[in-house]
Amino acid sequence: MPKSLASILHHLIFSTKGRRPCLTSDIAPQLEAYMAGVLRGLGCKVLAVGTANDHAHCGYQSPPTLTTAMIAHDLKIASNRWLRERGGALRNFKWQCGYSVWSWSYGDRAKLKKYILGQRKKHGS
């Protein structure tokens, strides 16, 4: 029976518009959980989601039917809406256009997870 298989560990990174430092530690845990839920809803296996004040990192494996562009688009649209719904300083929130994505060896998944979850400490945010 023919089927499509893929085993690629993606590391997706994107920034706030103008690198505005608005993803505070107060909102980060809820945002990270929300973004992980969006990824799962798209059929991705989530390794980790982490944020710093001005950008987000996501580690995941995607189904072979979705492109990185589709995932980045849907994730940014959903999380943008979620952040704006928080109101206050986030009511006009925007993600910057574009993204970076890298593939990692499945054997290095523990390193990737540690790197993603250490973003706040690494950037002092």
PDB file of N, CA and C in Angstrom:
ATOM      1  N   MET A   1       0.852  -1.181   0.000  1.00  0.00           N
ATOM      2  CA  MET A   1       0.000   0.000   0.000  1.00  0.00           C
ATOM      3  C   MET A   1       0.896   1.241   0.000  1.00  0.00           C
ATOM      4  N   PRO A   2       0.792   2.094  -1.003  1.00  0.00           N
ATOM      5  CA  PRO A   2       1.617   3.299  -1.067  1.00  0.00           C
ATOM      6  C   PRO A   2       1.193   4.337  -0.031  1.00  0.00           C
ATOM      7  N   LYS A   3       2.176   5.015   0.535  1.00  0.00           N
ATOM      8  CA  LYS A   3       1.909   6.112   1.464  1.00  0.00           C
ATOM      9  C   LYS A   3       3.123   7.019   1.510  1.00  0.00           C
ATOM     10  N   SER A   4       2.944   8.202   2.063  1.00  0.00           N
ATOM     11  CA  SER A   4       4.043   9.157   2.187  1.00  0.00           C
ATOM     12  C   SER A   4       4.577   9.131   3.605  1.00  0.00           C
ATOM     13  N   LEU A   5       5.885   9.098   3.743  1.00  0.00           N
ATOM     14  CA  LEU A   5       6.523   9.093   5.055  1.00  0.00           C
ATOM     15  C   LEU A   5       7.527  10.239   5.131  1.00  0.00           C
ATOM     16  N   ALA A   6       7.643  10.813   6.301  1.00  0.00           N
ATOM     17  CA  ALA A   6       8.638  11.862   6.531  1.00  0.00           C
ATOM     18  C   ALA A   6       9.054  11.813   7.990  1.00  0.00           C
ATOM     19  N   SER A   7      10.327  12.029   8.234  1.00  0.00           N
ATOM     20  CA  SER A   7      10.835  12.089   9.605  1.00  0.00           C
ATOM     21  C   SER A   7      11.867  13.214   9.657  1.00  0.00           C
ATOM     22  N   ILE A   8      11.370  14.429   9.635  1.00  0.00           N
ATOM     23  CA  ILE A   8      12.231  15.607   9.638  1.00  0.00           C
ATOM     24  C   ILE A   8      11.915  16.425  10.889  1.00  0.00           C
ATOM     25  N   LEU A   9      12.922  16.699  11.666  1.00  0.00           N
ATOM     26  CA  LEU A   9      12.766  17.518  12.867  1.00  0.00           C
ATOM     27  C   LEU A   9      13.034  18.969  12.472  1.00  0.00           C
ATOM     28  N   HIS A  10      11.997  19.777  12.510  1.00  0.00           N
ATOM     29  CA  HIS A  10      12.070  21.182  12.095  1.00  0.00           C
ATOM     30  C   HIS A  10      12.350  22.090  13.297  1.00  0.00           C
ATOM     31  N   HIS A  11      13.104  23.146  13.049  1.00  0.00           N
ATOM     32  CA  HIS A  11      13.324  24.207  14.031  1.00  0.00           C
ATOM     33  C   HIS A  11      12.902  25.510  13.343  1.00  0.00           C
ATOM     34  N   LEU A  12      11.708  25.978  13.686  1.00  0.00           N
ATOM     35  CA  LEU A  12      11.098  27.156  13.081  1.00  0.00           C
ATOM     36  C   LEU A  12      11.290  28.352  14.006  1.00  0.00           C
ATOM     37  N   ILE A  13      11.729  29.483  13.436  1.00  0.00           N
ATOM     38  CA  ILE A  13      11.989  30.689  14.217  1.00  0.00           C
ATOM     39  C   ILE A  13      11.359  31.873  13.506  1.00  0.00           C
ATOM     40  N   PHE A  14      10.647  32.715  14.252  1.00  0.00           N
ATOM     41  CA  PHE A  14      10.133  33.954  13.679  1.00  0.00           C
ATOM     42  C   PHE A  14      10.050  35.022  14.759  1.00  0.00           C
ATOM     43  N   SER A  15      10.050  36.275  14.307  1.00  0.00           N
ATOM     44  CA  SER A  15      10.182  37.418  15.217  1.00  0.00           C
ATOM     45  C   SER A  15       8.944  38.295  15.251  1.00  0.00           C
ATOM     46  N   THR A  16       8.857  39.086  16.303  1.00  0.00           N
ATOM     47  CA  THR A  16       7.807  40.098  16.393  1.00  0.00           C
ATOM     48  C   THR A  16       8.117  41.203  15.379  1.00  0.00           C
ATOM     49  N   LYS A  17       7.091  41.906  14.945  1.00  0.00           N
ATOM     50  CA  LYS A  17       7.268  43.004  13.985  1.00  0.00           C
ATOM     51  C   LYS A  17       8.232  44.029  14.559  1.00  0.00           C
ATOM     52  N   GLY A  18       9.279  44.345  13.805  1.00  0.00           N
ATOM     53  CA  GLY A  18      10.275  45.309  14.254  1.00  0.00           C
ATOM     54  C   GLY A  18      11.086  44.844  15.457  1.00  0.00           C
ATOM     55  N   ARG A  19      11.040  43.536  15.734  1.00  0.00           N
ATOM     56  CA  ARG A  19      11.718  42.943  16.904  1.00  0.00           C
ATOM     57  C   ARG A  19      11.276  43.614  18.209  1.00  0.00           C
ATOM     58  N   ARG A  20      10.012  44.038  18.226  1.00  0.00           N
ATOM     59  CA  ARG A  20       9.441  44.676  19.414  1.00  0.00           C
ATOM     60  C   ARG A  20       9.441  43.688  20.583  1.00  0.00           C
ATOM     61  N   PRO A  21      10.035  44.033  21.726  1.00  0.00           N
ATOM     62  CA  PRO A  21      10.147  43.111  22.870  1.00  0.00           C
ATOM     63  C   PRO A  21       8.868  43.062  23.714  1.00  0.00           C
ATOM     64  N   CYS A  22       7.821  42.446  23.159  1.00  0.00           N
ATOM     65  CA  CYS A  22       6.523  42.464  23.839  1.00  0.00           C
ATOM     66  C   CYS A  22       6.068  41.100  24.346  1.00  0.00           C
ATOM     67  N   LEU A  23       6.849  40.054  24.114  1.00  0.00           N
ATOM     68  CA  LEU A  23       6.476  38.719  24.589  1.00  0.00           C
ATOM     69  C   LEU A  23       7.086  38.514  25.981  1.00  0.00           C
ATOM     70  N   THR A  24       6.460  39.129  26.947  1.00  0.00           N
ATOM     71  CA  THR A  24       6.988  39.143  28.310  1.00  0.00           C
ATOM     72  C   THR A  24       6.863  37.781  28.993  1.00  0.00           C
ATOM     73  N   SER A  25       7.581  37.626  30.070  1.00  0.00           N
ATOM     74  CA  SER A  25       7.524  36.367  30.824  1.00  0.00           C
ATOM     75  C   SER A  25       6.141  36.130  31.426  1.00  0.00           C
ATOM     76  N   ASP A  26       5.320  37.173  31.535  1.00  0.00           N
ATOM     77  CA  ASP A  26       3.950  37.006  32.038  1.00  0.00           C
ATOM     78  C   ASP A  26       3.072  36.243  31.050  1.00  0.00           C
ATOM     79  N   ILE A  27       3.259  36.496  29.769  1.00  0.00           N
ATOM     80  CA  ILE A  27       2.419  35.885  28.736  1.00  0.00           C
ATOM     81  C   ILE A  27       3.062  34.646  28.119  1.00  0.00           C
ATOM     82  N   ALA A  28       4.376  34.513  28.233  1.00  0.00           N
ATOM     83  CA  ALA A  28       5.125  33.450  27.535  1.00  0.00           C
ATOM     84  C   ALA A  28       4.600  32.036  27.785  1.00  0.00           C
ATOM     85  N   PRO A  29       4.371  31.607  29.031  1.00  0.00           N
ATOM     86  CA  PRO A  29       3.932  30.215  29.219  1.00  0.00           C
ATOM     87  C   PRO A  29       2.602  29.903  28.519  1.00  0.00           C
ATOM     88  N   GLN A  30       1.655  30.846  28.578  1.00  0.00           N
ATOM     89  CA  GLN A  30       0.366  30.627  27.921  1.00  0.00           C
ATOM     90  C   GLN A  30       0.530  30.641  26.400  1.00  0.00           C
ATOM     91  N   LEU A  31       1.347  31.571  25.888  1.00  0.00           N
ATOM     92  CA  LEU A  31       1.584  31.650  24.445  1.00  0.00           C
ATOM     93  C   LEU A  31       2.254  30.377  23.936  1.00  0.00           C
ATOM     94  N   GLU A  32       3.260  29.915  24.638  1.00  0.00           N
ATOM     95  CA  GLU A  32       3.978  28.710  24.230  1.00  0.00           C
ATOM     96  C   GLU A  32       3.046  27.496  24.223  1.00  0.00           C
ATOM     97  N   ALA A  33       2.197  27.387  25.240  1.00  0.00           N
ATOM     98  CA  ALA A  33       1.235  26.279  25.286  1.00  0.00           C
ATOM     99  C   ALA A  33       0.222  26.397  24.152  1.00  0.00           C
ATOM    100  N   TYR A  34      -0.226  27.612  23.881  1.00  0.00           N
ATOM    101  CA  TYR A  34      -1.173  27.824  22.792  1.00  0.00           C
ATOM    102  C   TYR A  34      -0.548  27.439  21.449  1.00  0.00           C
ATOM    103  N   MET A  35       0.675  27.896  21.215  1.00  0.00           N
ATOM    104  CA  MET A  35       1.349  27.588  19.957  1.00  0.00           C
ATOM    105  C   MET A  35       1.581  26.082  19.797  1.00  0.00           C
ATOM    106  N   ALA A  36       1.933  25.412  20.868  1.00  0.00           N
ATOM    107  CA  ALA A  36       2.094  23.952  20.822  1.00  0.00           C
ATOM    108  C   ALA A  36       0.770  23.287  20.451  1.00  0.00           C
ATOM    109  N   GLY A  37      -0.327  23.809  21.002  1.00  0.00           N
ATOM    110  CA  GLY A  37      -1.649  23.281  20.669  1.00  0.00           C
ATOM    111  C   GLY A  37      -2.007  23.491  19.207  1.00  0.00           C
ATOM    112  N   VAL A  38      -1.655  24.640  18.667  1.00  0.00           N
ATOM    113  CA  VAL A  38      -1.901  24.903  17.240  1.00  0.00           C
ATOM    114  C   VAL A  38      -1.115  23.904  16.390  1.00  0.00           C
ATOM    115  N   LEU A  39       0.153  23.711  16.720  1.00  0.00           N
ATOM    116  CA  LEU A  39       0.975  22.753  15.984  1.00  0.00           C
ATOM    117  C   LEU A  39       0.381  21.348  16.052  1.00  0.00           C
ATOM    118  N   ARG A  40      -0.052  20.941  17.233  1.00  0.00           N
ATOM    119  CA  ARG A  40      -0.674  19.613  17.378  1.00  0.00           C
ATOM    120  C   ARG A  40      -1.947  19.526  16.540  1.00  0.00           C
ATOM    121  N   GLY A  41      -2.724  20.605  16.543  1.00  0.00           N
ATOM    122  CA  GLY A  41      -3.950  20.649  15.745  1.00  0.00           C
ATOM    123  C   GLY A  41      -3.686  20.510  14.254  1.00  0.00           C
ATOM    124  N   LEU A  42      -2.501  20.914  13.817  1.00  0.00           N
ATOM    125  CA  LEU A  42      -2.107  20.764  12.416  1.00  0.00           C
ATOM    126  C   LEU A  42      -1.567  19.360  12.120  1.00  0.00           C
ATOM    127  N   GLY A  43      -1.453  18.546  13.160  1.00  0.00           N
ATOM    128  CA  GLY A  43      -0.954  17.190  12.983  1.00  0.00           C
ATOM    129  C   GLY A  43       0.531  17.029  13.240  1.00  0.00           C
ATOM    130  N   CYS A  44       1.159  18.049  13.815  1.00  0.00           N
ATOM    131  CA  CYS A  44       2.593  17.995  14.108  1.00  0.00           C
ATOM    132  C   CYS A  44       2.851  17.301  15.437  1.00  0.00           C
ATOM    133  N   LYS A  45       4.004  16.662  15.549  1.00  0.00           N
ATOM    134  CA  LYS A  45       4.494  16.123  16.814  1.00  0.00           C
ATOM    135  C   LYS A  45       5.410  17.192  17.387  1.00  0.00           C
ATOM    136  N   VAL A  46       5.013  17.785  18.507  1.00  0.00           N
ATOM    137  CA  VAL A  46       5.739  18.927  19.075  1.00  0.00           C
ATOM    138  C   VAL A  46       6.826  18.466  20.017  1.00  0.00           C
ATOM    139  N   LEU A  47       8.036  18.966  19.777  1.00  0.00           N
ATOM    140  CA  LEU A  47       9.164  18.716  20.667  1.00  0.00           C
ATOM    141  C   LEU A  47       9.204  19.801  21.734  1.00  0.00           C
ATOM    142  N   ALA A  48       9.138  21.076  21.314  1.00  0.00           N
ATOM    143  CA  ALA A  48       9.196  22.198  22.261  1.00  0.00           C
ATOM    144  C   ALA A  48       8.815  23.487  21.560  1.00  0.00           C
ATOM    145  N   VAL A  49       8.287  24.416  22.348  1.00  0.00           N
ATOM    146  CA  VAL A  49       8.045  25.786  21.900  1.00  0.00           C
ATOM    147  C   VAL A  49       8.614  26.693  22.978  1.00  0.00           C
ATOM    148  N   GLY A  50       9.394  27.670  22.569  1.00  0.00           N
ATOM    149  CA  GLY A  50       9.990  28.608  23.518  1.00  0.00           C
ATOM    150  C   GLY A  50      10.018  29.998  22.919  1.00  0.00           C
ATOM    151  N   THR A  51       9.920  30.998  23.783  1.00  0.00           N
ATOM    152  CA  THR A  51       9.954  32.379  23.307  1.00  0.00           C
ATOM    153  C   THR A  51      10.975  33.191  24.090  1.00  0.00           C
ATOM    154  N   ALA A  52      11.432  34.243  23.454  1.00  0.00           N
ATOM    155  CA  ALA A  52      12.169  35.316  24.102  1.00  0.00           C
ATOM    156  C   ALA A  52      11.281  36.544  23.926  1.00  0.00           C
ATOM    157  N   ASN A  53      11.706  37.684  24.383  1.00  0.00           N
ATOM    158  CA  ASN A  53      10.849  38.869  24.319  1.00  0.00           C
ATOM    159  C   ASN A  53      10.441  39.257  22.902  1.00  0.00           C
ATOM    160  N   ASP A  54      11.265  38.912  21.910  1.00  0.00           N
ATOM    161  CA  ASP A  54      10.986  39.389  20.557  1.00  0.00           C
ATOM    162  C   ASP A  54      10.987  38.304  19.479  1.00  0.00           C
ATOM    163  N   HIS A  55      10.964  37.043  19.863  1.00  0.00           N
ATOM    164  CA  HIS A  55      10.893  35.992  18.862  1.00  0.00           C
ATOM    165  C   HIS A  55      10.455  34.664  19.477  1.00  0.00           C
ATOM    166  N   ALA A  56      10.099  33.737  18.580  1.00  0.00           N
ATOM    167  CA  ALA A  56       9.634  32.414  19.004  1.00  0.00           C
ATOM    168  C   ALA A  56      10.421  31.324  18.286  1.00  0.00           C
ATOM    169  N   HIS A  57      10.612  30.203  18.986  1.00  0.00           N
ATOM    170  CA  HIS A  57      11.257  29.009  18.438  1.00  0.00           C
ATOM    171  C   HIS A  57      10.293  27.835  18.605  1.00  0.00           C
ATOM    172  N   CYS A  58      10.163  27.026  17.573  1.00  0.00           N
ATOM    173  CA  CYS A  58       9.300  25.847  17.631  1.00  0.00           C
ATOM    174  C   CYS A  58      10.045  24.647  17.063  1.00  0.00           C
ATOM    175  N   GLY A  59      10.073  23.564  17.811  1.00  0.00           N
ATOM    176  CA  GLY A  59      10.664  22.316  17.343  1.00  0.00           C
ATOM    177  C   GLY A  59       9.549  21.299  17.169  1.00  0.00           C
ATOM    178  N   TYR A  60       9.461  20.698  15.979  1.00  0.00           N
ATOM    179  CA  TYR A  60       8.358  19.783  15.701  1.00  0.00           C
ATOM    180  C   TYR A  60       8.679  18.901  14.500  1.00  0.00           C
ATOM    181  N   GLN A  61       7.913  17.840  14.371  1.00  0.00           N
ATOM    182  CA  GLN A  61       7.897  17.016  13.168  1.00  0.00           C
ATOM    183  C   GLN A  61       6.524  17.222  12.545  1.00  0.00           C
ATOM    184  N   SER A  62       6.491  17.425  11.237  1.00  0.00           N
ATOM    185  CA  SER A  62       5.216  17.685  10.576  1.00  0.00           C
ATOM    186  C   SER A  62       4.789  16.495   9.730  1.00  0.00           C
ATOM    187  N   PRO A  63       3.484  16.416   9.466  1.00  0.00           N
ATOM    188  CA  PRO A  63       3.024  15.368   8.560  1.00  0.00           C
ATOM    189  C   PRO A  63       3.514  15.681   7.143  1.00  0.00           C
ATOM    190  N   PRO A  64       3.698  14.678   6.305  1.00  0.00           N
ATOM    191  CA  PRO A  64       4.228  14.910   4.961  1.00  0.00           C
ATOM    192  C   PRO A  64       3.292  15.697   4.054  1.00  0.00           C
ATOM    193  N   THR A  65       2.067  15.881   4.458  1.00  0.00           N
ATOM    194  CA  THR A  65       1.096  16.600   3.629  1.00  0.00           C
ATOM    195  C   THR A  65       1.144  18.113   3.827  1.00  0.00           C
ATOM    196  N   LEU A  66       1.908  18.588   4.814  1.00  0.00           N
ATOM    197  CA  LEU A  66       1.975  20.027   5.087  1.00  0.00           C
ATOM    198  C   LEU A  66       3.365  20.577   4.775  1.00  0.00           C
ATOM    199  N   THR A  67       3.406  21.731   4.136  1.00  0.00           N
ATOM    200  CA  THR A  67       4.680  22.399   3.897  1.00  0.00           C
ATOM    201  C   THR A  67       5.031  23.272   5.094  1.00  0.00           C
ATOM    202  N   THR A  68       6.291  23.623   5.197  1.00  0.00           N
ATOM    203  CA  THR A  68       6.727  24.532   6.258  1.00  0.00           C
ATOM    204  C   THR A  68       5.998  25.865   6.132  1.00  0.00           C
ATOM    205  N   ALA A  69       5.834  26.338   4.912  1.00  0.00           N
ATOM    206  CA  ALA A  69       5.143  27.614   4.691  1.00  0.00           C
ATOM    207  C   ALA A  69       3.707  27.571   5.226  1.00  0.00           C
ATOM    208  N   MET A  70       3.012  26.461   5.007  1.00  0.00           N
ATOM    209  CA  MET A  70       1.637  26.320   5.507  1.00  0.00           C
ATOM    210  C   MET A  70       1.618  26.343   7.036  1.00  0.00           C
ATOM    211  N   ILE A  71       2.550  25.624   7.634  1.00  0.00           N
ATOM    212  CA  ILE A  71       2.603  25.556   9.097  1.00  0.00           C
ATOM    213  C   ILE A  71       2.937  26.925   9.673  1.00  0.00           C
ATOM    214  N   ALA A  72       3.955  27.590   9.137  1.00  0.00           N
ATOM    215  CA  ALA A  72       4.336  28.914   9.634  1.00  0.00           C
ATOM    216  C   ALA A  72       3.171  29.893   9.488  1.00  0.00           C
ATOM    217  N   HIS A  73       2.517  29.869   8.356  1.00  0.00           N
ATOM    218  CA  HIS A  73       1.370  30.766   8.120  1.00  0.00           C
ATOM    219  C   HIS A  73       0.274  30.533   9.147  1.00  0.00           C
ATOM    220  N   ASP A  74      -0.163  29.292   9.283  1.00  0.00           N
ATOM    221  CA  ASP A  74      -1.268  28.986  10.200  1.00  0.00           C
ATOM    222  C   ASP A  74      -0.894  29.278  11.648  1.00  0.00           C
ATOM    223  N   LEU A  75       0.329  28.960  12.032  1.00  0.00           N
ATOM    224  CA  LEU A  75       0.783  29.198  13.401  1.00  0.00           C
ATOM    225  C   LEU A  75       0.860  30.693  13.707  1.00  0.00           C
ATOM    226  N   LYS A  76       1.387  31.461  12.781  1.00  0.00           N
ATOM    227  CA  LYS A  76       1.506  32.906  13.001  1.00  0.00           C
ATOM    228  C   LYS A  76       0.137  33.584  13.014  1.00  0.00           C
ATOM    229  N   ILE A  77      -0.773  33.173  12.124  1.00  0.00           N
ATOM    230  CA  ILE A  77      -2.123  33.751  12.096  1.00  0.00           C
ATOM    231  C   ILE A  77      -2.844  33.465  13.415  1.00  0.00           C
ATOM    232  N   ALA A  78      -2.819  32.213  13.845  1.00  0.00           N
ATOM    233  CA  ALA A  78      -3.538  31.830  15.070  1.00  0.00           C
ATOM    234  C   ALA A  78      -2.948  32.501  16.305  1.00  0.00           C
ATOM    235  N   SER A  79      -1.632  32.496  16.429  1.00  0.00           N
ATOM    236  CA  SER A  79      -1.014  33.083  17.623  1.00  0.00           C
ATOM    237  C   SER A  79      -1.120  34.608  17.607  1.00  0.00           C
ATOM    238  N   ASN A  80      -1.110  35.208  16.436  1.00  0.00           N
ATOM    239  CA  ASN A  80      -1.308  36.650  16.316  1.00  0.00           C
ATOM    240  C   ASN A  80      -2.697  37.026  16.858  1.00  0.00           C
ATOM    241  N   ARG A  81      -3.696  36.278  16.433  1.00  0.00           N
ATOM    242  CA  ARG A  81      -5.075  36.516  16.892  1.00  0.00           C
ATOM    243  C   ARG A  81      -5.165  36.317  18.410  1.00  0.00           C
ATOM    244  N   TRP A  82      -4.564  35.238  18.901  1.00  0.00           N
ATOM    245  CA  TRP A  82      -4.603  34.936  20.335  1.00  0.00           C
ATOM    246  C   TRP A  82      -3.955  36.056  21.137  1.00  0.00           C
ATOM    247  N   LEU A  83      -2.812  36.554  20.681  1.00  0.00           N
ATOM    248  CA  LEU A  83      -2.120  37.635  21.396  1.00  0.00           C
ATOM    249  C   LEU A  83      -2.948  38.913  21.383  1.00  0.00           C
ATOM    250  N   ARG A  84      -3.533  39.255  20.251  1.00  0.00           N
ATOM    251  CA  ARG A  84      -4.354  40.474  20.164  1.00  0.00           C
ATOM    252  C   ARG A  84      -5.564  40.403  21.100  1.00  0.00           C
ATOM    253  N   GLU A  85      -6.109  39.219  21.255  1.00  0.00           N
ATOM    254  CA  GLU A  85      -7.254  39.043  22.164  1.00  0.00           C
ATOM    255  C   GLU A  85      -6.893  39.304  23.617  1.00  0.00           C
ATOM    256  N   ARG A  86      -5.623  39.269  23.967  1.00  0.00           N
ATOM    257  CA  ARG A  86      -5.195  39.556  25.332  1.00  0.00           C
ATOM    258  C   ARG A  86      -5.374  41.042  25.647  1.00  0.00           C
ATOM    259  N   GLY A  87      -5.422  41.881  24.611  1.00  0.00           N
ATOM    260  CA  GLY A  87      -5.649  43.314  24.789  1.00  0.00           C
ATOM    261  C   GLY A  87      -4.432  44.048  25.313  1.00  0.00           C
ATOM    262  N   GLY A  88      -4.666  45.235  25.840  1.00  0.00           N
ATOM    263  CA  GLY A  88      -3.591  46.062  26.389  1.00  0.00           C
ATOM    264  C   GLY A  88      -2.520  46.344  25.356  1.00  0.00           C
ATOM    265  N   ALA A  89      -1.274  46.190  25.754  1.00  0.00           N
ATOM    266  CA  ALA A  89      -0.141  46.471  24.873  1.00  0.00           C
ATOM    267  C   ALA A  89      -0.072  45.499  23.691  1.00  0.00           C
ATOM    268  N   LEU A  90      -0.793  44.386  23.758  1.00  0.00           N
ATOM    269  CA  LEU A  90      -0.764  43.392  22.683  1.00  0.00           C
ATOM    270  C   LEU A  90      -1.913  43.553  21.686  1.00  0.00           C
ATOM    271  N   ARG A  91      -2.780  44.510  21.884  1.00  0.00           N
ATOM    272  CA  ARG A  91      -3.958  44.627  21.022  1.00  0.00           C
ATOM    273  C   ARG A  91      -3.616  44.898  19.557  1.00  0.00           C
ATOM    274  N   ASN A  92      -2.425  45.435  19.284  1.00  0.00           N
ATOM    275  CA  ASN A  92      -1.989  45.678  17.904  1.00  0.00           C
ATOM    276  C   ASN A  92      -0.803  44.793  17.516  1.00  0.00           C
ATOM    277  N   PHE A  93      -0.670  43.669  18.191  1.00  0.00           N
ATOM    278  CA  PHE A  93       0.469  42.778  17.967  1.00  0.00           C
ATOM    279  C   PHE A  93       0.545  42.321  16.515  1.00  0.00           C
ATOM    280  N   LYS A  94       1.788  42.164  16.028  1.00  0.00           N
ATOM    281  CA  LYS A  94       2.042  41.593  14.700  1.00  0.00           C
ATOM    282  C   LYS A  94       3.348  40.805  14.733  1.00  0.00           C
ATOM    283  N   TRP A  95       3.355  39.698  14.006  1.00  0.00           N
ATOM    284  CA  TRP A  95       4.593  38.982  13.746  1.00  0.00           C
ATOM    285  C   TRP A  95       5.249  39.622  12.528  1.00  0.00           C
ATOM    286  N   GLN A  96       6.546  39.573  12.481  1.00  0.00           N
ATOM    287  CA  GLN A  96       7.296  40.035  11.316  1.00  0.00           C
ATOM    288  C   GLN A  96       7.045  39.068  10.156  1.00  0.00           C
ATOM    289  N   CYS A  97       7.081  39.550   8.928  1.00  0.00           N
ATOM    290  CA  CYS A  97       6.952  38.673   7.756  1.00  0.00           C
ATOM    291  C   CYS A  97       8.143  37.726   7.705  1.00  0.00           C
ATOM    292  N   GLY A  98       7.909  36.547   7.206  1.00  0.00           N
ATOM    293  CA  GLY A  98       8.984  35.588   7.013  1.00  0.00           C
ATOM    294  C   GLY A  98       9.287  34.737   8.231  1.00  0.00           C
ATOM    295  N   TYR A  99      10.239  33.845   8.062  1.00  0.00           N
ATOM    296  CA  TYR A  99      10.658  32.921   9.117  1.00  0.00           C
ATOM    297  C   TYR A  99      11.968  32.271   8.702  1.00  0.00           C
ATOM    298  N   SER A 100      12.592  31.602   9.648  1.00  0.00           N
ATOM    299  CA  SER A 100      13.748  30.744   9.371  1.00  0.00           C
ATOM    300  C   SER A 100      13.360  29.342   9.784  1.00  0.00           C
ATOM    301  N   VAL A 101      13.839  28.368   9.070  1.00  0.00           N
ATOM    302  CA  VAL A 101      13.593  26.985   9.463  1.00  0.00           C
ATOM    303  C   VAL A 101      14.849  26.170   9.172  1.00  0.00           C
ATOM    304  N   TRP A 102      15.168  25.276  10.100  1.00  0.00           N
ATOM    305  CA  TRP A 102      16.341  24.420   9.999  1.00  0.00           C
ATOM    306  C   TRP A 102      15.919  23.000  10.292  1.00  0.00           C
ATOM    307  N   SER A 103      16.600  22.057   9.706  1.00  0.00           N
ATOM    308  CA  SER A 103      16.346  20.657  10.046  1.00  0.00           C
ATOM    309  C   SER A 103      17.436  20.185  11.005  1.00  0.00           C
ATOM    310  N   TRP A 104      17.043  19.341  11.929  1.00  0.00           N
ATOM    311  CA  TRP A 104      17.959  18.781  12.922  1.00  0.00           C
ATOM    312  C   TRP A 104      17.904  17.261  12.827  1.00  0.00           C
ATOM    313  N   SER A 105      19.000  16.650  13.155  1.00  0.00           N
ATOM    314  CA  SER A 105      19.043  15.202  13.237  1.00  0.00           C
ATOM    315  C   SER A 105      18.150  14.751  14.393  1.00  0.00           C
ATOM    316  N   TYR A 106      17.410  13.684  14.153  1.00  0.00           N
ATOM    317  CA  TYR A 106      16.545  13.164  15.212  1.00  0.00           C
ATOM    318  C   TYR A 106      17.365  12.792  16.446  1.00  0.00           C
ATOM    319  N   GLY A 107      18.595  12.387  16.248  1.00  0.00           N
ATOM    320  CA  GLY A 107      19.478  12.036  17.364  1.00  0.00           C
ATOM    321  C   GLY A 107      19.859  13.236  18.224  1.00  0.00           C
ATOM    322  N   ASP A 108      19.691  14.447  17.684  1.00  0.00           N
ATOM    323  CA  ASP A 108      20.012  15.670  18.421  1.00  0.00           C
ATOM    324  C   ASP A 108      18.772  16.341  19.021  1.00  0.00           C
ATOM    325  N   ARG A 109      17.669  15.613  19.086  1.00  0.00           N
ATOM    326  CA  ARG A 109      16.421  16.228  19.569  1.00  0.00           C
ATOM    327  C   ARG A 109      16.524  16.746  21.004  1.00  0.00           C
ATOM    328  N   ALA A 110      17.282  16.087  21.864  1.00  0.00           N
ATOM    329  CA  ALA A 110      17.440  16.569  23.246  1.00  0.00           C
ATOM    330  C   ALA A 110      18.174  17.908  23.259  1.00  0.00           C
ATOM    331  N   LYS A 111      19.174  18.068  22.399  1.00  0.00           N
ATOM    332  CA  LYS A 111      19.900  19.343  22.300  1.00  0.00           C
ATOM    333  C   LYS A 111      18.983  20.446  21.797  1.00  0.00           C
ATOM    334  N   LEU A 112      18.175  20.125  20.780  1.00  0.00           N
ATOM    335  CA  LEU A 112      17.250  21.110  20.235  1.00  0.00           C
ATOM    336  C   LEU A 112      16.223  21.525  21.285  1.00  0.00           C
ATOM    337  N   LYS A 113      15.679  20.578  21.994  1.00  0.00           N
ATOM    338  CA  LYS A 113      14.689  20.888  23.030  1.00  0.00           C
ATOM    339  C   LYS A 113      15.298  21.793  24.095  1.00  0.00           C
ATOM    340  N   LYS A 114      16.486  21.479  24.542  1.00  0.00           N
ATOM    341  CA  LYS A 114      17.171  22.301  25.553  1.00  0.00           C
ATOM    342  C   LYS A 114      17.417  23.714  25.015  1.00  0.00           C
ATOM    343  N   TYR A 115      17.840  23.809  23.769  1.00  0.00           N
ATOM    344  CA  TYR A 115      18.088  25.115  23.154  1.00  0.00           C
ATOM    345  C   TYR A 115      16.803  25.947  23.087  1.00  0.00           C
ATOM    346  N   ILE A 116      15.724  25.344  22.629  1.00  0.00           N
ATOM    347  CA  ILE A 116      14.446  26.065  22.501  1.00  0.00           C
ATOM    348  C   ILE A 116      13.925  26.492  23.863  1.00  0.00           C
ATOM    349  N   LEU A 117      13.947  25.602  24.823  1.00  0.00           N
ATOM    350  CA  LEU A 117      13.403  25.928  26.149  1.00  0.00           C
ATOM    351  C   LEU A 117      14.303  26.894  26.923  1.00  0.00           C
ATOM    352  N   GLY A 118      15.523  27.099  26.470  1.00  0.00           N
ATOM    353  CA  GLY A 118      16.444  28.015  27.143  1.00  0.00           C
ATOM    354  C   GLY A 118      16.476  29.417  26.559  1.00  0.00           C
ATOM    355  N   GLN A 119      15.540  29.757  25.703  1.00  0.00           N
ATOM    356  CA  GLN A 119      15.568  31.053  25.028  1.00  0.00           C
ATOM    357  C   GLN A 119      15.466  32.247  25.976  1.00  0.00           C
ATOM    358  N   ARG A 120      14.610  32.184  26.966  1.00  0.00           N
ATOM    359  CA  ARG A 120      14.457  33.308  27.896  1.00  0.00           C
ATOM    360  C   ARG A 120      15.766  33.563  28.635  1.00  0.00           C
ATOM    361  N   LYS A 121      16.382  32.492  29.098  1.00  0.00           N
ATOM    362  CA  LYS A 121      17.645  32.630  29.826  1.00  0.00           C
ATOM    363  C   LYS A 121      18.750  33.136  28.888  1.00  0.00           C
ATOM    364  N   LYS A 122      18.816  32.564  27.692  1.00  0.00           N
ATOM    365  CA  LYS A 122      19.859  32.939  26.730  1.00  0.00           C
ATOM    366  C   LYS A 122      19.781  34.429  26.381  1.00  0.00           C
ATOM    367  N   HIS A 123      18.583  34.947  26.223  1.00  0.00           N
ATOM    368  CA  HIS A 123      18.396  36.327  25.812  1.00  0.00           C
ATOM    369  C   HIS A 123      18.133  37.268  26.992  1.00  0.00           C
ATOM    370  N   GLY A 124      18.150  36.749  28.192  1.00  0.00           N
ATOM    371  CA  GLY A 124      17.918  37.582  29.379  1.00  0.00           C
ATOM    372  C   GLY A 124      16.554  38.230  29.395  1.00  0.00           C
ATOM    373  N   SER A 125      15.541  37.479  28.912  1.00  0.00           N
ATOM    374  CA  SER A 125      14.192  38.054  28.860  1.00  0.00           C
ATOM    375  C   SER A 125      13.211  37.337  29.751  1.00  0.00           C
TER     376      SER A 125
END
